[in-house]
N, C-alpha and C. Protein backbone atom coordinates (compact mmCIF):
# COMPACT_ATOMS: atom_id res chain seq x y z
N MET A 1 6.40 -47.04 -27.38
CA MET A 1 6.26 -47.82 -28.45
C MET A 1 7.54 -48.25 -28.79
N ARG A 2 8.69 -47.53 -28.79
CA ARG A 2 9.94 -47.85 -29.18
C ARG A 2 10.45 -48.97 -28.28
N ASN A 3 10.19 -48.97 -27.00
CA ASN A 3 10.65 -50.01 -26.19
C ASN A 3 9.95 -51.34 -26.71
N VAL A 4 8.68 -51.41 -27.01
CA VAL A 4 8.06 -52.61 -27.31
C VAL A 4 8.57 -53.20 -28.72
N LEU A 5 8.79 -52.23 -29.58
CA LEU A 5 9.31 -52.69 -30.90
C LEU A 5 10.63 -53.11 -30.93
N ASN A 6 11.54 -52.55 -30.12
CA ASN A 6 12.85 -52.88 -29.97
C ASN A 6 13.04 -54.28 -29.18
N ALA A 7 12.24 -54.36 -28.20
CA ALA A 7 12.26 -55.76 -27.43
C ALA A 7 11.63 -56.84 -28.48
N PHE A 8 10.67 -56.56 -29.09
CA PHE A 8 10.23 -57.65 -30.02
C PHE A 8 11.30 -57.92 -31.09
N GLY A 9 12.09 -56.93 -31.65
CA GLY A 9 13.02 -57.30 -32.69
C GLY A 9 14.29 -57.87 -32.04
N LEU A 10 14.55 -57.81 -30.77
CA LEU A 10 15.52 -58.68 -30.11
C LEU A 10 15.07 -60.12 -30.00
N ARG A 11 13.87 -60.17 -29.49
CA ARG A 11 13.35 -61.51 -29.24
C ARG A 11 13.14 -62.48 -30.63
N ASN A 12 12.82 -61.72 -31.69
CA ASN A 12 12.61 -62.35 -32.98
C ASN A 12 13.54 -61.73 -34.05
N PRO A 13 14.83 -62.10 -34.12
CA PRO A 13 15.73 -61.50 -34.96
C PRO A 13 15.44 -62.00 -36.43
N ILE A 14 14.70 -62.95 -36.72
CA ILE A 14 14.33 -63.45 -38.03
C ILE A 14 13.29 -62.47 -38.57
N VAL A 15 12.33 -62.04 -37.77
CA VAL A 15 11.38 -61.21 -38.10
C VAL A 15 11.77 -59.61 -38.02
N GLY A 16 12.38 -59.26 -36.89
CA GLY A 16 12.92 -57.92 -36.74
C GLY A 16 11.79 -56.90 -36.61
N TYR A 17 11.91 -55.78 -37.50
CA TYR A 17 10.88 -54.90 -37.55
C TYR A 17 10.37 -54.98 -38.96
N CYS A 18 8.91 -54.88 -39.08
CA CYS A 18 8.40 -54.88 -40.36
C CYS A 18 7.52 -53.62 -40.34
N GLN A 19 7.40 -53.10 -41.56
CA GLN A 19 6.62 -51.83 -41.62
C GLN A 19 5.09 -52.08 -41.32
N GLY A 20 4.62 -51.42 -40.47
CA GLY A 20 3.31 -51.56 -39.87
C GLY A 20 3.11 -52.06 -38.51
N PHE A 21 4.25 -52.55 -38.08
CA PHE A 21 4.30 -52.97 -36.62
C PHE A 21 3.85 -51.68 -35.64
N ASN A 22 4.37 -50.50 -36.03
CA ASN A 22 3.93 -49.44 -35.22
C ASN A 22 2.60 -49.01 -35.07
N TYR A 23 1.76 -49.34 -36.25
CA TYR A 23 0.37 -49.19 -36.08
C TYR A 23 -0.25 -50.20 -35.00
N ILE A 24 0.13 -51.34 -35.20
CA ILE A 24 -0.38 -52.45 -34.20
C ILE A 24 -0.04 -52.02 -32.77
N VAL A 25 1.13 -51.64 -32.50
CA VAL A 25 1.62 -51.34 -31.10
C VAL A 25 0.79 -50.11 -30.66
N ALA A 26 0.67 -49.20 -31.54
CA ALA A 26 -0.03 -47.86 -31.29
C ALA A 26 -1.49 -48.16 -30.80
N ARG A 27 -2.08 -49.09 -31.60
CA ARG A 27 -3.49 -49.37 -31.21
C ARG A 27 -3.71 -50.12 -29.81
N MET A 28 -2.62 -50.81 -29.56
CA MET A 28 -2.72 -51.59 -28.20
C MET A 28 -2.43 -50.69 -27.09
N LEU A 29 -1.33 -49.79 -27.40
CA LEU A 29 -1.29 -48.69 -26.39
C LEU A 29 -2.39 -47.75 -26.01
N ALA A 30 -3.02 -47.51 -27.15
CA ALA A 30 -4.24 -46.63 -27.20
C ALA A 30 -5.46 -47.42 -26.37
N ALA A 31 -5.33 -48.67 -26.50
CA ALA A 31 -6.30 -49.45 -25.56
C ALA A 31 -6.01 -49.52 -24.29
N GLU A 32 -5.00 -48.82 -23.74
CA GLU A 32 -4.43 -48.82 -22.48
C GLU A 32 -3.79 -50.02 -21.87
N LEU A 33 -3.16 -50.67 -22.79
CA LEU A 33 -2.32 -51.72 -22.43
C LEU A 33 -1.01 -51.31 -22.08
N THR A 34 -0.25 -51.88 -21.05
CA THR A 34 1.04 -51.61 -20.63
C THR A 34 2.05 -51.98 -21.87
N GLU A 35 3.30 -51.50 -21.82
CA GLU A 35 4.29 -51.92 -22.77
C GLU A 35 4.45 -53.37 -22.66
N GLU A 36 4.48 -53.99 -21.40
CA GLU A 36 4.76 -55.50 -21.26
C GLU A 36 3.62 -56.25 -21.85
N GLU A 37 2.40 -55.79 -21.58
CA GLU A 37 1.32 -56.53 -22.31
C GLU A 37 1.39 -56.35 -23.71
N CYS A 38 1.65 -55.24 -24.21
CA CYS A 38 1.90 -55.09 -25.74
C CYS A 38 2.81 -55.91 -26.27
N PHE A 39 4.03 -56.16 -25.62
CA PHE A 39 5.06 -56.91 -26.15
C PHE A 39 4.75 -58.36 -26.21
N TRP A 40 4.01 -58.91 -25.03
CA TRP A 40 3.55 -60.39 -24.93
C TRP A 40 2.50 -60.55 -26.05
N LEU A 41 1.55 -59.52 -26.24
CA LEU A 41 0.64 -59.74 -27.32
C LEU A 41 1.05 -59.73 -28.71
N MET A 42 2.12 -58.86 -29.06
CA MET A 42 2.83 -58.92 -30.29
C MET A 42 3.51 -60.44 -30.48
N CYS A 43 4.00 -60.84 -29.50
CA CYS A 43 4.71 -62.10 -29.57
C CYS A 43 3.77 -63.22 -29.97
N GLN A 44 2.50 -63.16 -29.28
CA GLN A 44 1.54 -64.24 -29.51
C GLN A 44 0.92 -63.91 -30.92
N ILE A 45 0.78 -62.78 -31.47
CA ILE A 45 0.17 -62.55 -32.75
C ILE A 45 1.22 -63.12 -33.87
N ILE A 46 2.57 -62.82 -33.64
CA ILE A 46 3.54 -63.11 -34.65
C ILE A 46 3.77 -64.50 -34.46
N GLU A 47 4.20 -64.97 -33.43
CA GLU A 47 4.66 -66.33 -33.35
C GLU A 47 3.56 -67.53 -33.39
N SER A 48 2.34 -67.15 -32.86
CA SER A 48 1.41 -68.26 -32.81
C SER A 48 0.29 -68.19 -33.85
N LEU A 49 0.06 -67.03 -34.42
CA LEU A 49 -0.97 -66.88 -35.44
C LEU A 49 -0.47 -66.90 -36.69
N LEU A 50 0.62 -66.24 -37.09
CA LEU A 50 1.23 -66.34 -38.48
C LEU A 50 2.05 -67.60 -38.69
N PRO A 51 1.95 -68.29 -39.71
CA PRO A 51 2.86 -69.35 -39.97
C PRO A 51 4.19 -68.84 -40.32
N LEU A 52 5.09 -69.91 -39.93
CA LEU A 52 6.55 -69.37 -40.07
C LEU A 52 6.88 -68.93 -41.53
N ASP A 53 6.48 -69.74 -42.61
CA ASP A 53 6.83 -69.23 -43.90
C ASP A 53 6.32 -68.00 -44.34
N PHE A 54 5.45 -67.48 -43.54
CA PHE A 54 4.80 -66.10 -43.96
C PHE A 54 5.77 -64.91 -43.62
N TYR A 55 6.51 -65.03 -42.73
CA TYR A 55 7.74 -64.07 -42.50
C TYR A 55 9.03 -64.35 -42.52
N ALA A 56 9.39 -65.66 -42.44
CA ALA A 56 10.80 -66.15 -42.55
C ALA A 56 11.15 -65.91 -43.88
N LYS A 57 10.69 -66.49 -44.96
CA LYS A 57 11.19 -66.34 -46.21
C LYS A 57 10.28 -65.80 -47.06
N MET A 58 9.29 -65.25 -46.53
CA MET A 58 8.28 -64.53 -47.27
C MET A 58 7.54 -65.25 -48.41
N ILE A 59 7.64 -66.52 -48.36
CA ILE A 59 6.83 -67.25 -49.32
C ILE A 59 5.42 -67.19 -49.08
N GLY A 60 5.00 -67.25 -48.04
CA GLY A 60 3.54 -67.12 -47.59
C GLY A 60 2.93 -65.73 -48.16
N LEU A 61 3.72 -64.67 -47.83
CA LEU A 61 3.47 -63.26 -48.26
C LEU A 61 3.30 -63.28 -49.70
N CYS A 62 4.21 -63.99 -50.57
CA CYS A 62 4.15 -63.88 -51.99
C CYS A 62 2.90 -64.55 -52.55
N VAL A 63 2.50 -65.62 -51.89
CA VAL A 63 1.36 -66.45 -52.30
C VAL A 63 0.09 -65.55 -52.04
N ASP A 64 0.02 -64.94 -50.75
CA ASP A 64 -1.21 -64.05 -50.53
C ASP A 64 -1.17 -62.87 -51.49
């Protein structure tokens, strides 16, 4: 889990690590995904599904 979270933080320095990412990665690893698959799935979730203003300046989070 640490490898996935560190790699994700290096790929997305704006996001870095957010509280709760460990629960997401733990569920993916429990579903028997490899670390590499977990990393790419996390990238898709954060980079594709969440809008940039949700995590970059936290405007979207404040609105929600």
